[in-house]
Amino acid sequence: MRKLFCLVLLGLLLGKANGQVKPSSKEESAAIAAKCKAKLIYQPKLQLPEDWLGKDEKYVREPVIAFTIREDGTVRDVKLIHRTGAKKLDAYIVRYVRQWKFRQMPRCPGVETTTSITIDFN
């Protein structure tokens, strides 16, 4: 998020007219940061694959993933930071997160984020 804020702020500073670079006000900077806030609008139901736990595997912990949200709200560059201990489940989680949709954020470069997914086995 800090990288995003710096890029947006730099873009504003470079875009000032007449070659005069004036620092943005705190209010202007806050408005840009608020505009580029990601909001999840679609998340399919989490349905675990059958026989997700392979032989000699055990569920160790919640998966933690990192991904980038594009301006159009789609997800890309999904990576597992912490694995669950089950290969099929890890692969499913990556495919699952790629299906998420976020509110569109025009004129916002990719928003990088990291999250964990809580899996309810009941």
N, C-alpha and C. Protein backbone atom coordinates (compact mmCIF):
# COMPACT_ATOMS: atom_id res chain seq x y z
N MET A 1 0.83 -1.18 0.00
CA MET A 1 0.00 0.00 0.00
C MET A 1 0.87 1.24 0.00
N ARG A 2 1.99 1.17 0.73
CA ARG A 2 2.89 2.33 0.79
C ARG A 2 3.46 2.62 -0.60
N LYS A 3 3.82 1.53 -1.33
CA LYS A 3 4.34 1.68 -2.68
C LYS A 3 3.30 2.35 -3.58
N LEU A 4 2.04 1.89 -3.47
CA LEU A 4 0.96 2.46 -4.25
C LEU A 4 0.81 3.94 -3.95
N PHE A 5 0.79 4.31 -2.67
CA PHE A 5 0.63 5.70 -2.26
C PHE A 5 1.76 6.56 -2.83
N CYS A 6 2.99 6.07 -2.77
CA CYS A 6 4.14 6.82 -3.28
C CYS A 6 4.04 7.02 -4.79
N LEU A 7 3.62 5.96 -5.52
CA LEU A 7 3.48 6.08 -6.97
C LEU A 7 2.40 7.08 -7.34
N VAL A 8 1.28 7.04 -6.64
CA VAL A 8 0.19 7.97 -6.92
C VAL A 8 0.63 9.40 -6.61
N LEU A 9 1.29 9.58 -5.48
CA LEU A 9 1.76 10.91 -5.09
C LEU A 9 2.78 11.43 -6.09
N LEU A 10 3.69 10.59 -6.54
CA LEU A 10 4.69 10.98 -7.54
C LEU A 10 4.00 11.39 -8.84
N GLY A 11 2.98 10.63 -9.25
CA GLY A 11 2.24 10.96 -10.45
C GLY A 11 1.56 12.32 -10.36
N LEU A 12 1.02 12.63 -9.20
CA LEU A 12 0.40 13.94 -9.00
C LEU A 12 1.43 15.06 -9.07
N LEU A 13 2.55 14.84 -8.43
CA LEU A 13 3.59 15.87 -8.43
C LEU A 13 4.12 16.12 -9.83
N LEU A 14 4.32 15.06 -10.61
CA LEU A 14 4.86 15.22 -11.96
C LEU A 14 3.82 15.80 -12.92
N GLY A 15 2.53 15.66 -12.58
CA GLY A 15 1.48 16.11 -13.47
C GLY A 15 1.08 17.57 -13.28
N LYS A 16 1.71 18.31 -12.40
CA LYS A 16 1.34 19.72 -12.18
C LYS A 16 1.66 20.55 -13.42
N ALA A 17 0.81 21.53 -13.69
CA ALA A 17 0.95 22.36 -14.89
C ALA A 17 2.06 23.39 -14.75
N ASN A 18 2.49 23.95 -15.87
CA ASN A 18 3.47 25.03 -15.95
C ASN A 18 4.84 24.66 -15.39
N GLY A 19 5.13 23.39 -15.28
CA GLY A 19 6.44 22.98 -14.78
C GLY A 19 6.65 23.26 -13.31
N GLN A 20 5.66 23.77 -12.63
CA GLN A 20 5.77 24.08 -11.21
C GLN A 20 5.32 22.86 -10.41
N VAL A 21 6.19 22.35 -9.59
CA VAL A 21 5.85 21.20 -8.76
C VAL A 21 5.54 21.70 -7.36
N LYS A 22 4.29 21.47 -6.95
CA LYS A 22 3.87 21.86 -5.61
C LYS A 22 3.50 20.60 -4.85
N PRO A 23 3.89 20.50 -3.60
CA PRO A 23 3.52 19.31 -2.84
C PRO A 23 2.00 19.24 -2.66
N SER A 24 1.47 18.02 -2.69
CA SER A 24 0.04 17.81 -2.47
C SER A 24 -0.29 18.07 -1.01
N SER A 25 -1.51 18.51 -0.79
CA SER A 25 -1.95 18.70 0.59
C SER A 25 -2.24 17.35 1.22
N LYS A 26 -2.32 17.31 2.54
CA LYS A 26 -2.65 16.06 3.23
C LYS A 26 -4.04 15.58 2.83
N GLU A 27 -4.96 16.50 2.64
CA GLU A 27 -6.32 16.14 2.26
C GLU A 27 -6.35 15.50 0.87
N GLU A 28 -5.56 16.08 -0.05
CA GLU A 28 -5.49 15.54 -1.41
C GLU A 28 -4.88 14.14 -1.39
N SER A 29 -3.83 13.95 -0.62
CA SER A 29 -3.20 12.64 -0.50
C SER A 29 -4.14 11.62 0.12
N ALA A 30 -4.89 12.03 1.13
CA ALA A 30 -5.85 11.13 1.79
C ALA A 30 -6.97 10.74 0.83
N ALA A 31 -7.40 11.67 -0.01
CA ALA A 31 -8.47 11.38 -0.97
C ALA A 31 -8.00 10.35 -1.99
N ILE A 32 -6.75 10.45 -2.41
CA ILE A 32 -6.20 9.47 -3.37
C ILE A 32 -6.13 8.09 -2.72
N ALA A 33 -5.64 8.03 -1.51
CA ALA A 33 -5.53 6.75 -0.80
C ALA A 33 -6.91 6.13 -0.60
N ALA A 34 -7.92 6.93 -0.28
CA ALA A 34 -9.27 6.42 -0.08
C ALA A 34 -9.87 5.92 -1.39
N LYS A 35 -9.58 6.62 -2.48
CA LYS A 35 -10.10 6.24 -3.79
C LYS A 35 -9.55 4.88 -4.22
N CYS A 36 -8.34 4.58 -3.84
CA CYS A 36 -7.68 3.35 -4.27
C CYS A 36 -7.84 2.22 -3.26
N LYS A 37 -8.77 2.34 -2.35
CA LYS A 37 -8.99 1.30 -1.36
C LYS A 37 -9.76 0.15 -2.02
N ALA A 38 -9.24 -1.04 -1.88
CA ALA A 38 -9.86 -2.22 -2.49
C ALA A 38 -11.09 -2.66 -1.69
N LYS A 39 -12.15 -3.02 -2.43
CA LYS A 39 -13.36 -3.53 -1.78
C LYS A 39 -13.79 -4.79 -2.52
N LEU A 40 -13.83 -5.90 -1.80
CA LEU A 40 -14.23 -7.18 -2.37
C LEU A 40 -15.72 -7.16 -2.69
N ILE A 41 -16.08 -7.46 -3.96
CA ILE A 41 -17.49 -7.46 -4.35
C ILE A 41 -17.98 -8.84 -4.77
N TYR A 42 -17.07 -9.77 -5.06
CA TYR A 42 -17.49 -11.14 -5.41
C TYR A 42 -16.47 -12.13 -4.87
N GLN A 43 -17.00 -13.12 -4.19
CA GLN A 43 -16.18 -14.20 -3.65
C GLN A 43 -17.02 -15.47 -3.73
N PRO A 44 -16.63 -16.43 -4.59
CA PRO A 44 -17.43 -17.65 -4.69
C PRO A 44 -17.40 -18.43 -3.38
N LYS A 45 -18.36 -19.32 -3.25
CA LYS A 45 -18.41 -20.15 -2.04
C LYS A 45 -17.20 -21.08 -2.03
N LEU A 46 -16.58 -21.19 -0.89
CA LEU A 46 -15.42 -22.07 -0.73
C LEU A 46 -15.91 -23.51 -0.63
N GLN A 47 -15.58 -24.33 -1.62
CA GLN A 47 -15.96 -25.73 -1.63
C GLN A 47 -14.69 -26.56 -1.75
N LEU A 48 -14.34 -27.23 -0.67
CA LEU A 48 -13.11 -28.00 -0.66
C LEU A 48 -13.17 -29.15 -1.65
N PRO A 49 -12.08 -29.40 -2.36
CA PRO A 49 -12.06 -30.53 -3.29
C PRO A 49 -12.13 -31.85 -2.53
N GLU A 50 -12.70 -32.86 -3.18
CA GLU A 50 -12.75 -34.17 -2.54
C GLU A 50 -11.32 -34.68 -2.38
N ASP A 51 -11.13 -35.50 -1.41
CA ASP A 51 -9.82 -36.08 -1.07
C ASP A 51 -8.69 -35.05 -1.14
N TRP A 52 -8.96 -33.88 -0.54
CA TRP A 52 -7.98 -32.79 -0.57
C TRP A 52 -6.74 -33.08 0.26
N LEU A 53 -6.85 -34.00 1.19
CA LEU A 53 -5.71 -34.34 2.04
C LEU A 53 -5.10 -35.64 1.52
N GLY A 54 -3.91 -35.51 0.93
CA GLY A 54 -3.23 -36.67 0.37
C GLY A 54 -2.62 -37.56 1.44
N LYS A 55 -2.18 -38.72 0.99
CA LYS A 55 -1.54 -39.67 1.89
C LYS A 55 -0.27 -39.03 2.46
N ASP A 56 -0.04 -39.22 3.71
CA ASP A 56 1.12 -38.67 4.43
C ASP A 56 1.12 -37.14 4.50
N GLU A 57 -0.04 -36.52 4.30
CA GLU A 57 -0.16 -35.07 4.45
C GLU A 57 -1.04 -34.78 5.66
N LYS A 58 -0.85 -33.59 6.23
CA LYS A 58 -1.75 -33.14 7.29
C LYS A 58 -1.89 -31.62 7.19
N TYR A 59 -3.07 -31.16 7.56
CA TYR A 59 -3.35 -29.73 7.55
C TYR A 59 -2.56 -29.08 8.67
N VAL A 60 -1.67 -28.16 8.33
CA VAL A 60 -0.77 -27.56 9.30
C VAL A 60 -1.28 -26.20 9.78
N ARG A 61 -1.71 -25.35 8.85
CA ARG A 61 -2.14 -24.00 9.22
C ARG A 61 -2.98 -23.38 8.10
N GLU A 62 -3.58 -22.23 8.42
CA GLU A 62 -4.35 -21.48 7.43
C GLU A 62 -3.43 -21.01 6.31
N PRO A 63 -3.92 -21.05 5.08
CA PRO A 63 -3.10 -20.53 3.99
C PRO A 63 -3.01 -19.01 4.05
N VAL A 64 -1.85 -18.47 3.73
CA VAL A 64 -1.65 -17.03 3.62
C VAL A 64 -1.23 -16.78 2.18
N ILE A 65 -1.92 -15.86 1.53
CA ILE A 65 -1.68 -15.59 0.13
C ILE A 65 -1.39 -14.12 -0.11
N ALA A 66 -0.63 -13.87 -1.17
CA ALA A 66 -0.36 -12.50 -1.62
C ALA A 66 -0.86 -12.41 -3.06
N PHE A 67 -1.43 -11.27 -3.41
CA PHE A 67 -1.91 -11.09 -4.77
C PHE A 67 -2.01 -9.61 -5.10
N THR A 68 -2.20 -9.32 -6.38
CA THR A 68 -2.34 -7.95 -6.85
C THR A 68 -3.74 -7.76 -7.41
N ILE A 69 -4.34 -6.63 -7.09
CA ILE A 69 -5.66 -6.28 -7.61
C ILE A 69 -5.46 -5.26 -8.72
N ARG A 70 -5.94 -5.57 -9.90
CA ARG A 70 -5.81 -4.67 -11.05
C ARG A 70 -6.84 -3.54 -10.99
N GLU A 71 -6.64 -2.53 -11.84
CA GLU A 71 -7.58 -1.40 -11.90
C GLU A 71 -9.00 -1.85 -12.17
N ASP A 72 -9.15 -2.92 -12.98
CA ASP A 72 -10.50 -3.40 -13.34
C ASP A 72 -11.11 -4.29 -12.26
N GLY A 73 -10.38 -4.52 -11.15
CA GLY A 73 -10.92 -5.29 -10.04
C GLY A 73 -10.60 -6.78 -10.08
N THR A 74 -9.92 -7.23 -11.13
CA THR A 74 -9.55 -8.64 -11.20
C THR A 74 -8.27 -8.88 -10.42
N VAL A 75 -8.04 -10.15 -10.09
CA VAL A 75 -6.89 -10.54 -9.27
C VAL A 75 -5.83 -11.18 -10.17
N ARG A 76 -4.57 -10.88 -9.89
CA ARG A 76 -3.47 -11.51 -10.62
C ARG A 76 -2.30 -11.75 -9.67
N ASP A 77 -1.33 -12.49 -10.13
CA ASP A 77 -0.10 -12.77 -9.36
C ASP A 77 -0.39 -13.36 -7.98
N VAL A 78 -1.24 -14.37 -7.93
CA VAL A 78 -1.58 -15.02 -6.66
C VAL A 78 -0.44 -15.95 -6.27
N LYS A 79 0.08 -15.76 -5.05
CA LYS A 79 1.18 -16.58 -4.55
C LYS A 79 0.88 -17.02 -3.13
N LEU A 80 1.22 -18.27 -2.82
CA LEU A 80 1.08 -18.77 -1.46
C LEU A 80 2.30 -18.35 -0.65
N ILE A 81 2.09 -17.66 0.44
CA ILE A 81 3.17 -17.26 1.34
C ILE A 81 3.39 -18.37 2.38
N HIS A 82 2.28 -18.88 2.93
CA HIS A 82 2.32 -20.01 3.87
C HIS A 82 1.41 -21.10 3.34
N ARG A 83 1.94 -22.29 3.20
CA ARG A 83 1.17 -23.43 2.71
C ARG A 83 0.40 -24.09 3.83
N THR A 84 -0.63 -24.85 3.44
CA THR A 84 -1.48 -25.53 4.41
C THR A 84 -0.92 -26.87 4.85
N GLY A 85 -0.09 -27.47 4.02
CA GLY A 85 0.40 -28.82 4.28
C GLY A 85 -0.25 -29.84 3.36
N ALA A 86 -1.27 -29.41 2.61
CA ALA A 86 -1.98 -30.29 1.68
C ALA A 86 -1.86 -29.69 0.27
N LYS A 87 -1.16 -30.38 -0.63
CA LYS A 87 -0.89 -29.85 -1.97
C LYS A 87 -2.15 -29.55 -2.76
N LYS A 88 -3.14 -30.45 -2.72
CA LYS A 88 -4.39 -30.21 -3.47
C LYS A 88 -5.12 -29.00 -2.93
N LEU A 89 -5.13 -28.85 -1.63
CA LEU A 89 -5.80 -27.71 -1.01
C LEU A 89 -5.08 -26.41 -1.38
N ASP A 90 -3.77 -26.41 -1.37
CA ASP A 90 -3.00 -25.22 -1.74
C ASP A 90 -3.32 -24.80 -3.18
N ALA A 91 -3.35 -25.76 -4.09
CA ALA A 91 -3.65 -25.46 -5.50
C ALA A 91 -5.07 -24.92 -5.63
N TYR A 92 -6.00 -25.50 -4.88
CA TYR A 92 -7.39 -25.04 -4.92
C TYR A 92 -7.50 -23.60 -4.41
N ILE A 93 -6.82 -23.28 -3.34
CA ILE A 93 -6.87 -21.93 -2.77
C ILE A 93 -6.39 -20.89 -3.78
N VAL A 94 -5.31 -21.20 -4.49
CA VAL A 94 -4.80 -20.26 -5.50
C VAL A 94 -5.85 -20.04 -6.59
N ARG A 95 -6.47 -21.12 -7.09
CA ARG A 95 -7.53 -20.99 -8.11
C ARG A 95 -8.73 -20.22 -7.56
N TYR A 96 -9.07 -20.48 -6.31
CA TYR A 96 -10.20 -19.84 -5.65
C TYR A 96 -10.01 -18.32 -5.57
N VAL A 97 -8.84 -17.88 -5.15
CA VAL A 97 -8.58 -16.44 -4.99
C VAL A 97 -8.55 -15.74 -6.35
N ARG A 98 -8.10 -16.42 -7.39
CA ARG A 98 -8.09 -15.82 -8.73
C ARG A 98 -9.49 -15.45 -9.20
N GLN A 99 -10.52 -16.08 -8.63
CA GLN A 99 -11.90 -15.81 -9.02
C GLN A 99 -12.49 -14.59 -8.32
N TRP A 100 -11.84 -14.10 -7.29
CA TRP A 100 -12.36 -12.95 -6.56
C TRP A 100 -12.43 -11.73 -7.46
N LYS A 101 -13.41 -10.88 -7.20
CA LYS A 101 -13.56 -9.62 -7.93
C LYS A 101 -13.66 -8.49 -6.91
N PHE A 102 -12.98 -7.41 -7.23
CA PHE A 102 -12.99 -6.22 -6.39
C PHE A 102 -13.62 -5.07 -7.15
N ARG A 103 -14.03 -4.05 -6.41
CA ARG A 103 -14.57 -2.84 -7.02
C ARG A 103 -13.51 -2.26 -7.95
N GLN A 104 -13.93 -1.75 -9.10
CA GLN A 104 -12.98 -1.14 -10.03
C GLN A 104 -12.34 0.08 -9.40
N MET A 105 -11.07 0.29 -9.71
CA MET A 105 -10.33 1.42 -9.16
C MET A 105 -9.62 2.15 -10.31
N PRO A 106 -10.38 2.92 -11.10
CA PRO A 106 -9.77 3.62 -12.23
C PRO A 106 -8.63 4.53 -11.78
N ARG A 107 -7.61 4.58 -12.59
CA ARG A 107 -6.42 5.42 -12.36
C ARG A 107 -5.68 5.05 -11.07
N CYS A 108 -5.82 3.81 -10.64
CA CYS A 108 -5.04 3.31 -9.51
C CYS A 108 -4.17 2.18 -10.03
N PRO A 109 -2.87 2.27 -9.86
CA PRO A 109 -2.04 1.14 -10.29
C PRO A 109 -2.37 -0.08 -9.44
N GLY A 110 -1.84 -1.22 -9.79
CA GLY A 110 -2.13 -2.45 -9.07
C GLY A 110 -1.94 -2.31 -7.56
N VAL A 111 -2.91 -2.79 -6.81
CA VAL A 111 -2.85 -2.75 -5.36
C VAL A 111 -2.37 -4.12 -4.88
N GLU A 112 -1.22 -4.15 -4.20
CA GLU A 112 -0.69 -5.40 -3.69
C GLU A 112 -1.23 -5.63 -2.29
N THR A 113 -1.64 -6.87 -2.02
CA THR A 113 -2.20 -7.17 -0.71
C THR A 113 -1.86 -8.60 -0.30
N THR A 114 -1.92 -8.85 0.99
CA THR A 114 -1.70 -10.18 1.55
C THR A 114 -2.83 -10.46 2.53
N THR A 115 -3.34 -11.69 2.50
CA THR A 115 -4.41 -12.06 3.41
C THR A 115 -4.33 -13.53 3.76
N SER A 116 -5.00 -13.91 4.83
CA SER A 116 -5.11 -15.33 5.16
C SER A 116 -6.56 -15.75 4.93
N ILE A 117 -6.75 -17.02 4.68
CA ILE A 117 -8.09 -17.55 4.45
C ILE A 117 -8.41 -18.53 5.56
N THR A 118 -9.48 -18.27 6.26
CA THR A 118 -9.92 -19.19 7.30
C THR A 118 -10.84 -20.22 6.66
N ILE A 119 -10.52 -21.48 6.85
CA ILE A 119 -11.30 -22.57 6.27
C ILE A 119 -12.11 -23.21 7.40
N ASP A 120 -13.43 -23.17 7.22
CA ASP A 120 -14.34 -23.77 8.20
C ASP A 120 -14.66 -25.18 7.71
N PHE A 121 -14.22 -26.19 8.41
CA PHE A 121 -14.42 -27.56 7.98
C PHE A 121 -15.78 -28.12 8.38
N ASN A 122 -16.63 -27.32 8.98
CA ASN A 122 -17.96 -27.82 9.39
C ASN A 122 -18.97 -27.71 8.29
